[in-house]
Amino acid sequence: MVKLFKLNEEIDEARKYWLEALEPCEFISSDGTRLPYRLYVPPTYSPENKYPLQIHLHGGGIRGTDNSFQLYHDCKQTQMMFAYQHYEPFIFAIPQCPPEYLWSNQRFDEVDKTLKVLHLDTTDEYHMTKVVFELVEHLSEKYSVDKCRRYVSGASMGGAGSYEMLYRHSDAFAGAIIGCAVSDPHTAHAIAHIPMYLMHGADDPTIPVENSRKMAEKLRELGADFVYKEFEGRIHDFTSAPTGDAEFGDAMRWMFSKKRKD
């Protein structure tokens, strides 16, 4: 069984364990883009069974090529992906976005400190969205993946990437967890059939909470199956709070209860 840690006291031990437990891999897309990622396949894996698959997209400050830092920054989120293995075994992958790219068309401009919210229905699919989805398809074919139980999660830049992933491939995923992300409520109708667990810190200075409020309002109007959690006093790194791991764990349990219809 996987090992869990008291992150405030055992963070170095946790990071060492994650590096050993998650296999370093590299995916080369159809256009030659190289995407490093870490992969976890349960030790009890058998091709005779079907397994859920989760893809987790990190935030913008973790881009790189070392194929390690994406495990370090979102510590509580990484921990809870291991913790859920106690409920059921599943496969998960955590790619690392190359420095020259983002996960999505949606972005926060670090120069003028403004959101660049683009209408996804008037833009082409972003390059890295295509690459990540190719990775999803690759893992789904290489391993015995239940295609009715494929999930995407992410925070900040990774949350924006999750939204675009759902929009571009709306029949591919059974659910999503999205935190403190830029969204496009204009396209909510296209993803309202996908269960989503949305989270945002009420005092986020980077991505204003109003962005998630508008998406939640639109999803509510459309009768979507979703949860919206807004945390008072939290800023952009919302899972850093003492209860952050438990809150992400609640989201994991909710998401994994969802299954896409054939």
C-alpha atoms as a PDB file:
ATOM      1  CA  MET A   1       0.000   0.000   0.000  1.00  0.00           C
ATOM      2  CA  VAL A   2       1.215   3.529  -0.731  1.00  0.00           C
ATOM      3  CA  LYS A   3       2.817   5.584   2.012  1.00  0.00           C
ATOM      4  CA  LEU A   4       1.427   8.906   3.261  1.00  0.00           C
ATOM      5  CA  PHE A   5       3.216  11.685   5.116  1.00  0.00           C
ATOM      6  CA  LYS A   6       2.726  14.534   7.579  1.00  0.00           C
ATOM      7  CA  LEU A   7       3.696  17.093   4.998  1.00  0.00           C
ATOM      8  CA  ASN A   8       4.627  19.901   7.389  1.00  0.00           C
ATOM      9  CA  GLU A   9       7.054  17.612   9.217  1.00  0.00           C
ATOM     10  CA  GLU A  10       8.067  15.074   6.575  1.00  0.00           C
ATOM     11  CA  ILE A  11       8.159  17.039   3.330  1.00  0.00           C
ATOM     12  CA  ASP A  12      11.685  15.921   2.382  1.00  0.00           C
ATOM     13  CA  GLU A  13      10.777  12.272   2.946  1.00  0.00           C
ATOM     14  CA  ALA A  14       7.566  12.737   0.937  1.00  0.00           C
ATOM     15  CA  ARG A  15       9.369  14.236  -2.040  1.00  0.00           C
ATOM     16  CA  LYS A  16      11.961  11.452  -2.034  1.00  0.00           C
ATOM     17  CA  TYR A  17       9.199   8.848  -1.932  1.00  0.00           C
ATOM     18  CA  TRP A  18       7.269  10.491  -4.791  1.00  0.00           C
ATOM     19  CA  LEU A  19      10.382  10.632  -6.977  1.00  0.00           C
ATOM     20  CA  GLU A  20      10.907   6.931  -6.417  1.00  0.00           C
ATOM     21  CA  ALA A  21       7.239   5.944  -6.767  1.00  0.00           C
ATOM     22  CA  LEU A  22       6.483   7.942  -9.926  1.00  0.00           C
ATOM     23  CA  GLU A  23       8.295   6.731 -13.026  1.00  0.00           C
ATOM     24  CA  PRO A  24      10.027   9.470 -15.057  1.00  0.00           C
ATOM     25  CA  CYS A  25       8.753   9.293 -18.642  1.00  0.00           C
ATOM     26  CA  GLU A  26       8.782  11.373 -21.796  1.00  0.00           C
ATOM     27  CA  PHE A  27       6.025  11.570 -24.383  1.00  0.00           C
ATOM     28  CA  ILE A  28       6.750  12.730 -27.935  1.00  0.00           C
ATOM     29  CA  SER A  29       3.657  14.073 -29.662  1.00  0.00           C
ATOM     30  CA  SER A  30       2.728  13.670 -33.319  1.00  0.00           C
ATOM     31  CA  ASP A  31       4.380  17.025 -34.102  1.00  0.00           C
ATOM     32  CA  GLY A  32       7.560  16.173 -32.194  1.00  0.00           C
ATOM     33  CA  THR A  33       6.867  18.113 -28.997  1.00  0.00           C
ATOM     34  CA  ARG A  34       8.639  16.508 -26.029  1.00  0.00           C
ATOM     35  CA  LEU A  35       6.555  16.357 -22.858  1.00  0.00           C
ATOM     36  CA  PRO A  36       8.177  15.066 -19.649  1.00  0.00           C
ATOM     37  CA  TYR A  37       5.804  13.459 -17.188  1.00  0.00           C
ATOM     38  CA  ARG A  38       5.716  11.329 -14.072  1.00  0.00           C
ATOM     39  CA  LEU A  39       3.605   8.190 -14.118  1.00  0.00           C
ATOM     40  CA  TYR A  40       2.123   6.056 -11.362  1.00  0.00           C
ATOM     41  CA  VAL A  41       0.821   2.580 -12.168  1.00  0.00           C
ATOM     42  CA  PRO A  42      -0.450   0.607  -9.153  1.00  0.00           C
ATOM     43  CA  PRO A  43       1.810  -2.317  -8.155  1.00  0.00           C
ATOM     44  CA  THR A  44      -1.254  -4.560  -8.368  1.00  0.00           C
ATOM     45  CA  TYR A  45      -1.921  -3.538 -11.983  1.00  0.00           C
ATOM     46  CA  SER A  46      -3.283  -6.329 -14.180  1.00  0.00           C
ATOM     47  CA  PRO A  47      -4.308  -5.924 -17.834  1.00  0.00           C
ATOM     48  CA  GLU A  48      -7.295  -8.111 -17.043  1.00  0.00           C
ATOM     49  CA  ASN A  49      -8.824  -5.253 -15.031  1.00  0.00           C
ATOM     50  CA  LYS A  50      -9.876  -1.721 -16.018  1.00  0.00           C
ATOM     51  CA  TYR A  51      -8.430   1.292 -14.190  1.00  0.00           C
ATOM     52  CA  PRO A  52      -9.394   4.959 -13.902  1.00  0.00           C
ATOM     53  CA  LEU A  53      -6.892   7.452 -15.313  1.00  0.00           C
ATOM     54  CA  GLN A  54      -6.213  10.928 -13.918  1.00  0.00           C
ATOM     55  CA  ILE A  55      -4.105  13.615 -15.606  1.00  0.00           C
ATOM     56  CA  HIS A  56      -2.987  16.436 -13.286  1.00  0.00           C
ATOM     57  CA  LEU A  57      -1.831  19.785 -14.705  1.00  0.00           C
ATOM     58  CA  HIS A  58       0.364  22.019 -12.553  1.00  0.00           C
ATOM     59  CA  GLY A  59       0.427  25.817 -12.257  1.00  0.00           C
ATOM     60  CA  GLY A  60       2.453  28.278 -14.311  1.00  0.00           C
ATOM     61  CA  GLY A  61       5.395  28.699 -11.942  1.00  0.00           C
ATOM     62  CA  ILE A  62       6.401  25.048 -12.258  1.00  0.00           C
ATOM     63  CA  ARG A  63       7.195  24.900 -15.966  1.00  0.00           C
ATOM     64  CA  GLY A  64      10.525  23.334 -16.801  1.00  0.00           C
ATOM     65  CA  THR A  65      12.375  20.278 -18.034  1.00  0.00           C
ATOM     66  CA  ASP A  66      13.613  18.591 -14.846  1.00  0.00           C
ATOM     67  CA  ASN A  67      10.515  16.330 -14.616  1.00  0.00           C
ATOM     68  CA  SER A  68      10.540  16.680 -10.834  1.00  0.00           C
ATOM     69  CA  PHE A  69       9.419  20.131  -9.731  1.00  0.00           C
ATOM     70  CA  GLN A  70       5.774  19.460 -10.649  1.00  0.00           C
ATOM     71  CA  LEU A  71       5.708  16.942  -7.776  1.00  0.00           C
ATOM     72  CA  TYR A  72       7.170  19.381  -5.248  1.00  0.00           C
ATOM     73  CA  HIS A  73       5.006  22.451  -5.597  1.00  0.00           C
ATOM     74  CA  ASP A  74       1.490  21.000  -5.413  1.00  0.00           C
ATOM     75  CA  CYS A  75       2.447  18.808  -2.459  1.00  0.00           C
ATOM     76  CA  LYS A  76      -0.985  18.323  -0.951  1.00  0.00           C
ATOM     77  CA  GLN A  77      -2.506  17.594  -4.334  1.00  0.00           C
ATOM     78  CA  THR A  78       0.194  15.002  -5.076  1.00  0.00           C
ATOM     79  CA  GLN A  79      -0.273  13.486  -1.613  1.00  0.00           C
ATOM     80  CA  MET A  80      -4.025  13.072  -2.118  1.00  0.00           C
ATOM     81  CA  MET A  81      -3.530  11.342  -5.470  1.00  0.00           C
ATOM     82  CA  PHE A  82      -1.546   8.748  -3.549  1.00  0.00           C
ATOM     83  CA  ALA A  83      -4.064   8.749  -0.702  1.00  0.00           C
ATOM     84  CA  TYR A  84      -6.940   7.856  -2.995  1.00  0.00           C
ATOM     85  CA  GLN A  85      -5.130   4.640  -3.869  1.00  0.00           C
ATOM     86  CA  HIS A  86      -6.409   3.430  -0.480  1.00  0.00           C
ATOM     87  CA  TYR A  87      -9.948   3.594  -1.922  1.00  0.00           C
ATOM     88  CA  GLU A  88      -9.195   2.062  -5.312  1.00  0.00           C
ATOM     89  CA  PRO A  89      -6.126   1.620  -7.519  1.00  0.00           C
ATOM     90  CA  PHE A  90      -5.872   4.022 -10.446  1.00  0.00           C
ATOM     91  CA  ILE A  91      -3.267   5.293 -12.890  1.00  0.00           C
ATOM     92  CA  PHE A  92      -2.196   8.922 -12.802  1.00  0.00           C
ATOM     93  CA  ALA A  93       0.229  11.086 -14.721  1.00  0.00           C
ATOM     94  CA  ILE A  94       1.642  14.526 -13.873  1.00  0.00           C
ATOM     95  CA  PRO A  95       3.235  16.152 -16.939  1.00  0.00           C
ATOM     96  CA  GLN A  96       5.574  19.147 -16.746  1.00  0.00           C
ATOM     97  CA  CYS A  97       4.838  21.976 -19.155  1.00  0.00           C
ATOM     98  CA  PRO A  98       7.893  23.121 -21.166  1.00  0.00           C
ATOM     99  CA  PRO A  99       9.053  26.659 -20.257  1.00  0.00           C
ATOM    100  CA  GLU A 100       8.053  28.160 -23.597  1.00  0.00           C
ATOM    101  CA  TYR A 101       4.417  27.013 -23.399  1.00  0.00           C
ATOM    102  CA  LEU A 102       1.267  27.193 -21.256  1.00  0.00           C
ATOM    103  CA  TRP A 103      -1.439  24.560 -20.864  1.00  0.00           C
ATOM    104  CA  SER A 104      -4.154  26.685 -22.473  1.00  0.00           C
ATOM    105  CA  ASN A 105      -5.142  29.700 -24.540  1.00  0.00           C
ATOM    106  CA  GLN A 106      -6.297  31.273 -21.261  1.00  0.00           C
ATOM    107  CA  ARG A 107      -3.592  33.124 -19.406  1.00  0.00           C
ATOM    108  CA  PHE A 108      -2.626  35.633 -16.745  1.00  0.00           C
ATOM    109  CA  ASP A 109      -0.373  38.379 -18.094  1.00  0.00           C
ATOM    110  CA  GLU A 110       2.522  38.648 -15.650  1.00  0.00           C
ATOM    111  CA  VAL A 111       3.560  42.029 -17.076  1.00  0.00           C
ATOM    112  CA  ASP A 112       0.386  44.085 -16.841  1.00  0.00           C
ATOM    113  CA  LYS A 113      -1.259  41.860 -14.191  1.00  0.00           C
ATOM    114  CA  THR A 114      -4.453  41.304 -16.145  1.00  0.00           C
ATOM    115  CA  LEU A 115      -6.386  38.258 -17.255  1.00  0.00           C
ATOM    116  CA  LYS A 116      -6.395  37.425 -20.932  1.00  0.00           C
ATOM    117  CA  VAL A 117      -9.710  35.590 -21.157  1.00  0.00           C
ATOM    118  CA  LEU A 118     -10.244  34.355 -24.699  1.00  0.00           C
ATOM    119  CA  HIS A 119     -13.443  32.853 -26.023  1.00  0.00           C
ATOM    120  CA  LEU A 120     -12.452  29.284 -26.757  1.00  0.00           C
ATOM    121  CA  ASP A 121     -15.075  28.953 -29.482  1.00  0.00           C
ATOM    122  CA  THR A 122     -13.334  31.685 -31.494  1.00  0.00           C
ATOM    123  CA  THR A 123      -9.780  30.340 -31.112  1.00  0.00           C
ATOM    124  CA  ASP A 124      -8.014  27.239 -32.352  1.00  0.00           C
ATOM    125  CA  GLU A 125      -7.135  24.485 -29.915  1.00  0.00           C
ATOM    126  CA  TYR A 126      -3.986  25.451 -28.050  1.00  0.00           C
ATOM    127  CA  HIS A 127      -0.864  23.495 -28.965  1.00  0.00           C
ATOM    128  CA  MET A 128      -0.245  21.992 -25.516  1.00  0.00           C
ATOM    129  CA  THR A 129      -3.881  21.010 -25.100  1.00  0.00           C
ATOM    130  CA  LYS A 130      -3.431  18.812 -28.162  1.00  0.00           C
ATOM    131  CA  VAL A 131      -0.186  17.374 -26.809  1.00  0.00           C
ATOM    132  CA  VAL A 132      -1.666  16.512 -23.403  1.00  0.00           C
ATOM    133  CA  PHE A 133      -4.702  14.891 -24.978  1.00  0.00           C
ATOM    134  CA  GLU A 134      -2.411  12.796 -27.163  1.00  0.00           C
ATOM    135  CA  LEU A 135      -0.741  11.684 -23.925  1.00  0.00           C
ATOM    136  CA  VAL A 136      -4.163  10.750 -22.506  1.00  0.00           C
ATOM    137  CA  GLU A 137      -4.893   8.659 -25.582  1.00  0.00           C
ATOM    138  CA  HIS A 138      -1.425   7.086 -25.485  1.00  0.00           C
ATOM    139  CA  LEU A 139      -1.812   5.994 -21.855  1.00  0.00           C
ATOM    140  CA  SER A 140      -5.347   4.776 -22.537  1.00  0.00           C
ATOM    141  CA  GLU A 141      -4.035   2.448 -25.223  1.00  0.00           C
ATOM    142  CA  LYS A 142      -0.849   1.347 -23.467  1.00  0.00           C
ATOM    143  CA  TYR A 143      -2.638   0.413 -20.229  1.00  0.00           C
ATOM    144  CA  SER A 144      -5.972  -1.129 -19.425  1.00  0.00           C
ATOM    145  CA  VAL A 145      -7.796   2.159 -18.845  1.00  0.00           C
ATOM    146  CA  ASP A 146     -11.530   2.493 -18.310  1.00  0.00           C
ATOM    147  CA  LYS A 147     -12.346   5.142 -20.919  1.00  0.00           C
ATOM    148  CA  CYS A 148     -15.554   5.940 -19.056  1.00  0.00           C
ATOM    149  CA  ARG A 149     -13.445   6.959 -16.055  1.00  0.00           C
ATOM    150  CA  ARG A 150     -10.814   9.370 -17.328  1.00  0.00           C
ATOM    151  CA  TYR A 151     -10.344  12.546 -15.289  1.00  0.00           C
ATOM    152  CA  VAL A 152      -8.410  15.801 -15.501  1.00  0.00           C
ATOM    153  CA  SER A 153      -7.404  18.100 -12.653  1.00  0.00           C
ATOM    154  CA  GLY A 154      -5.369  21.243 -12.273  1.00  0.00           C
ATOM    155  CA  ALA A 155      -4.912  24.546 -10.493  1.00  0.00           C
ATOM    156  CA  SER A 156      -4.164  28.025 -11.821  1.00  0.00           C
ATOM    157  CA  MET A 157      -2.610  27.559 -15.281  1.00  0.00           C
ATOM    158  CA  GLY A 158      -3.416  23.864 -14.904  1.00  0.00           C
ATOM    159  CA  GLY A 159      -7.026  24.687 -14.123  1.00  0.00           C
ATOM    160  CA  ALA A 160      -7.268  26.791 -17.275  1.00  0.00           C
ATOM    161  CA  GLY A 161      -5.751  23.876 -19.158  1.00  0.00           C
ATOM    162  CA  SER A 162      -8.350  21.566 -17.649  1.00  0.00           C
ATOM    163  CA  TYR A 163     -11.162  23.828 -18.845  1.00  0.00           C
ATOM    164  CA  GLU A 164      -9.763  23.878 -22.379  1.00  0.00           C
ATOM    165  CA  MET A 165      -9.217  20.122 -22.296  1.00  0.00           C
ATOM    166  CA  LEU A 166     -12.877  19.615 -21.387  1.00  0.00           C
ATOM    167  CA  TYR A 167     -14.030  22.050 -24.056  1.00  0.00           C
ATOM    168  CA  ARG A 168     -11.906  20.601 -26.883  1.00  0.00           C
ATOM    169  CA  HIS A 169     -12.567  16.966 -25.938  1.00  0.00           C
ATOM    170  CA  SER A 170     -15.942  17.143 -24.245  1.00  0.00           C
ATOM    171  CA  ASP A 171     -16.792  13.466 -24.704  1.00  0.00           C
ATOM    172  CA  ALA A 172     -13.513  12.125 -23.350  1.00  0.00           C
ATOM    173  CA  PHE A 173     -13.686  12.846 -19.613  1.00  0.00           C
ATOM    174  CA  ALA A 174     -15.902  11.712 -16.757  1.00  0.00           C
ATOM    175  CA  GLY A 175     -15.086  14.601 -14.409  1.00  0.00           C
ATOM    176  CA  ALA A 176     -12.646  17.302 -13.375  1.00  0.00           C
ATOM    177  CA  ILE A 177     -11.207  19.175 -10.399  1.00  0.00           C
ATOM    178  CA  ILE A 178     -10.344  22.785 -11.194  1.00  0.00           C
ATOM    179  CA  GLY A 179      -8.800  25.273  -8.779  1.00  0.00           C
ATOM    180  CA  CYS A 180      -8.254  29.059  -8.927  1.00  0.00           C
ATOM    181  CA  ALA A 181      -8.406  29.090 -12.719  1.00  0.00           C
ATOM    182  CA  VAL A 182      -9.134  31.469 -15.563  1.00  0.00           C
ATOM    183  CA  SER A 183     -12.329  30.254 -17.213  1.00  0.00           C
ATOM    184  CA  ASP A 184     -14.576  31.200 -20.115  1.00  0.00           C
ATOM    185  CA  PRO A 185     -18.204  31.187 -18.893  1.00  0.00           C
ATOM    186  CA  HIS A 186     -19.205  31.945 -22.485  1.00  0.00           C
ATOM    187  CA  THR A 187     -18.528  28.276 -23.317  1.00  0.00           C
ATOM    188  CA  ALA A 188     -20.063  26.737 -20.179  1.00  0.00           C
ATOM    189  CA  HIS A 189     -22.871  25.233 -22.244  1.00  0.00           C
ATOM    190  CA  ALA A 190     -20.363  23.009 -24.045  1.00  0.00           C
ATOM    191  CA  ILE A 191     -18.970  21.447 -20.855  1.00  0.00           C
ATOM    192  CA  ALA A 192     -21.992  21.555 -18.545  1.00  0.00           C
ATOM    193  CA  HIS A 193     -22.579  17.807 -19.065  1.00  0.00           C
ATOM    194  CA  ILE A 194     -19.198  17.016 -17.445  1.00  0.00           C
ATOM    195  CA  PRO A 195     -19.170  16.874 -13.614  1.00  0.00           C
ATOM    196  CA  MET A 196     -16.808  19.521 -12.225  1.00  0.00           C
ATOM    197  CA  TYR A 197     -15.531  20.324  -8.744  1.00  0.00           C
ATOM    198  CA  LEU A 198     -14.451  23.994  -8.697  1.00  0.00           C
ATOM    199  CA  MET A 199     -12.429  25.666  -5.919  1.00  0.00           C
ATOM    200  CA  HIS A 200     -11.113  29.200  -5.437  1.00  0.00           C
ATOM    201  CA  GLY A 201      -9.690  31.336  -2.636  1.00  0.00           C
ATOM    202  CA  ALA A 202     -11.887  34.332  -1.909  1.00  0.00           C
ATOM    203  CA  ASP A 203      -8.874  36.656  -1.578  1.00  0.00           C
ATOM    204  CA  ASP A 204      -6.927  35.403  -4.595  1.00  0.00           C
ATOM    205  CA  PRO A 205      -4.796  38.350  -5.832  1.00  0.00           C
ATOM    206  CA  THR A 206      -3.654  36.545  -8.979  1.00  0.00           C
ATOM    207  CA  ILE A 207      -6.807  35.128 -10.555  1.00  0.00           C
ATOM    208  CA  PRO A 208      -9.788  37.083  -9.146  1.00  0.00           C
ATOM    209  CA  VAL A 209     -12.448  34.866  -7.599  1.00  0.00           C
ATOM    210  CA  GLU A 210     -15.113  36.622  -9.683  1.00  0.00           C
ATOM    211  CA  ASN A 211     -13.922  34.534 -12.612  1.00  0.00           C
ATOM    212  CA  SER A 212     -14.922  31.272 -10.909  1.00  0.00           C
ATOM    213  CA  ARG A 213     -18.101  32.813  -9.514  1.00  0.00           C
ATOM    214  CA  LYS A 214     -19.264  33.642 -13.029  1.00  0.00           C
ATOM    215  CA  MET A 215     -18.530  30.128 -14.247  1.00  0.00           C
ATOM    216  CA  ALA A 216     -20.384  28.616 -11.267  1.00  0.00           C
ATOM    217  CA  GLU A 217     -23.353  30.911 -11.880  1.00  0.00           C
ATOM    218  CA  LYS A 218     -23.530  29.871 -15.522  1.00  0.00           C
ATOM    219  CA  LEU A 219     -23.224  26.165 -14.690  1.00  0.00           C
ATOM    220  CA  ARG A 220     -25.998  26.557 -12.119  1.00  0.00           C
ATOM    221  CA  GLU A 221     -28.265  28.117 -14.742  1.00  0.00           C
ATOM    222  CA  LEU A 222     -27.557  25.181 -17.046  1.00  0.00           C
ATOM    223  CA  GLY A 223     -28.386  22.593 -14.376  1.00  0.00           C
ATOM    224  CA  ALA A 224     -24.877  21.133 -14.392  1.00  0.00           C
ATOM    225  CA  ASP A 225     -23.595  18.516 -11.958  1.00  0.00           C
ATOM    226  CA  PHE A 226     -20.918  20.531 -10.166  1.00  0.00           C
ATOM    227  CA  VAL A 227     -19.612  21.681  -6.792  1.00  0.00           C
ATOM    228  CA  TYR A 228     -18.277  25.168  -6.140  1.00  0.00           C
ATOM    229  CA  LYS A 229     -16.167  25.756  -3.018  1.00  0.00           C
ATOM    230  CA  GLU A 230     -14.991  29.256  -2.158  1.00  0.00           C
ATOM    231  CA  PHE A 231     -12.562  29.553   0.741  1.00  0.00           C
ATOM    232  CA  GLU A 232     -12.607  32.707   2.857  1.00  0.00           C
ATOM    233  CA  GLY A 233      -9.187  34.182   3.589  1.00  0.00           C
ATOM    234  CA  ARG A 234      -7.419  31.988   1.021  1.00  0.00           C
ATOM    235  CA  ILE A 235      -5.187  33.398  -1.679  1.00  0.00           C
ATOM    236  CA  HIS A 236      -4.011  31.819  -4.929  1.00  0.00           C
ATOM    237  CA  ASP A 237      -2.270  28.809  -3.349  1.00  0.00           C
ATOM    238  CA  PHE A 238      -5.498  27.639  -1.756  1.00  0.00           C
ATOM    239  CA  THR A 239      -4.387  24.102  -0.803  1.00  0.00           C
ATOM    240  CA  SER A 240      -1.540  25.432   1.362  1.00  0.00           C
ATOM    241  CA  ALA A 241      -4.002  25.885   4.244  1.00  0.00           C
ATOM    242  CA  PRO A 242      -3.869  23.268   7.044  1.00  0.00           C
ATOM    243  CA  THR A 243      -7.072  21.698   5.719  1.00  0.00           C
ATOM    244  CA  GLY A 244      -6.019  21.862   2.060  1.00  0.00           C
ATOM    245  CA  ASP A 245      -5.210  18.174   1.724  1.00  0.00           C
ATOM    246  CA  ALA A 246      -8.548  17.089   3.187  1.00  0.00           C
ATOM    247  CA  GLU A 247     -10.397  19.516   0.898  1.00  0.00           C
ATOM    248  CA  PHE A 248      -8.617  18.198  -2.176  1.00  0.00           C
ATOM    249  CA  GLY A 249      -9.330  14.683  -0.915  1.00  0.00           C
ATOM    250  CA  ASP A 250     -13.052  15.494  -0.767  1.00  0.00           C
ATOM    251  CA  ALA A 251     -12.837  16.682  -4.363  1.00  0.00           C
ATOM    252  CA  MET A 252     -11.054  13.466  -5.383  1.00  0.00           C
ATOM    253  CA  ARG A 253     -13.749  11.275  -3.846  1.00  0.00           C
ATOM    254  CA  TRP A 254     -16.475  13.300  -5.548  1.00  0.00           C
ATOM    255  CA  MET A 255     -14.761  13.230  -8.936  1.00  0.00           C
ATOM    256  CA  PHE A 256     -14.024   9.500  -8.853  1.00  0.00           C
ATOM    257  CA  SER A 257     -17.682   8.778  -8.127  1.00  0.00           C
ATOM    258  CA  LYS A 258     -18.510  10.057 -11.621  1.00  0.00           C
ATOM    259  CA  LYS A 259     -18.562   7.879 -14.712  1.00  0.00           C
ATOM    260  CA  ARG A 260     -19.023   8.921 -18.324  1.00  0.00           C
ATOM    261  CA  LYS A 261     -21.875   7.287 -20.199  1.00  0.00           C
ATOM    262  CA  ASP A 262     -20.919   5.195 -23.240  1.00  0.00           C
END
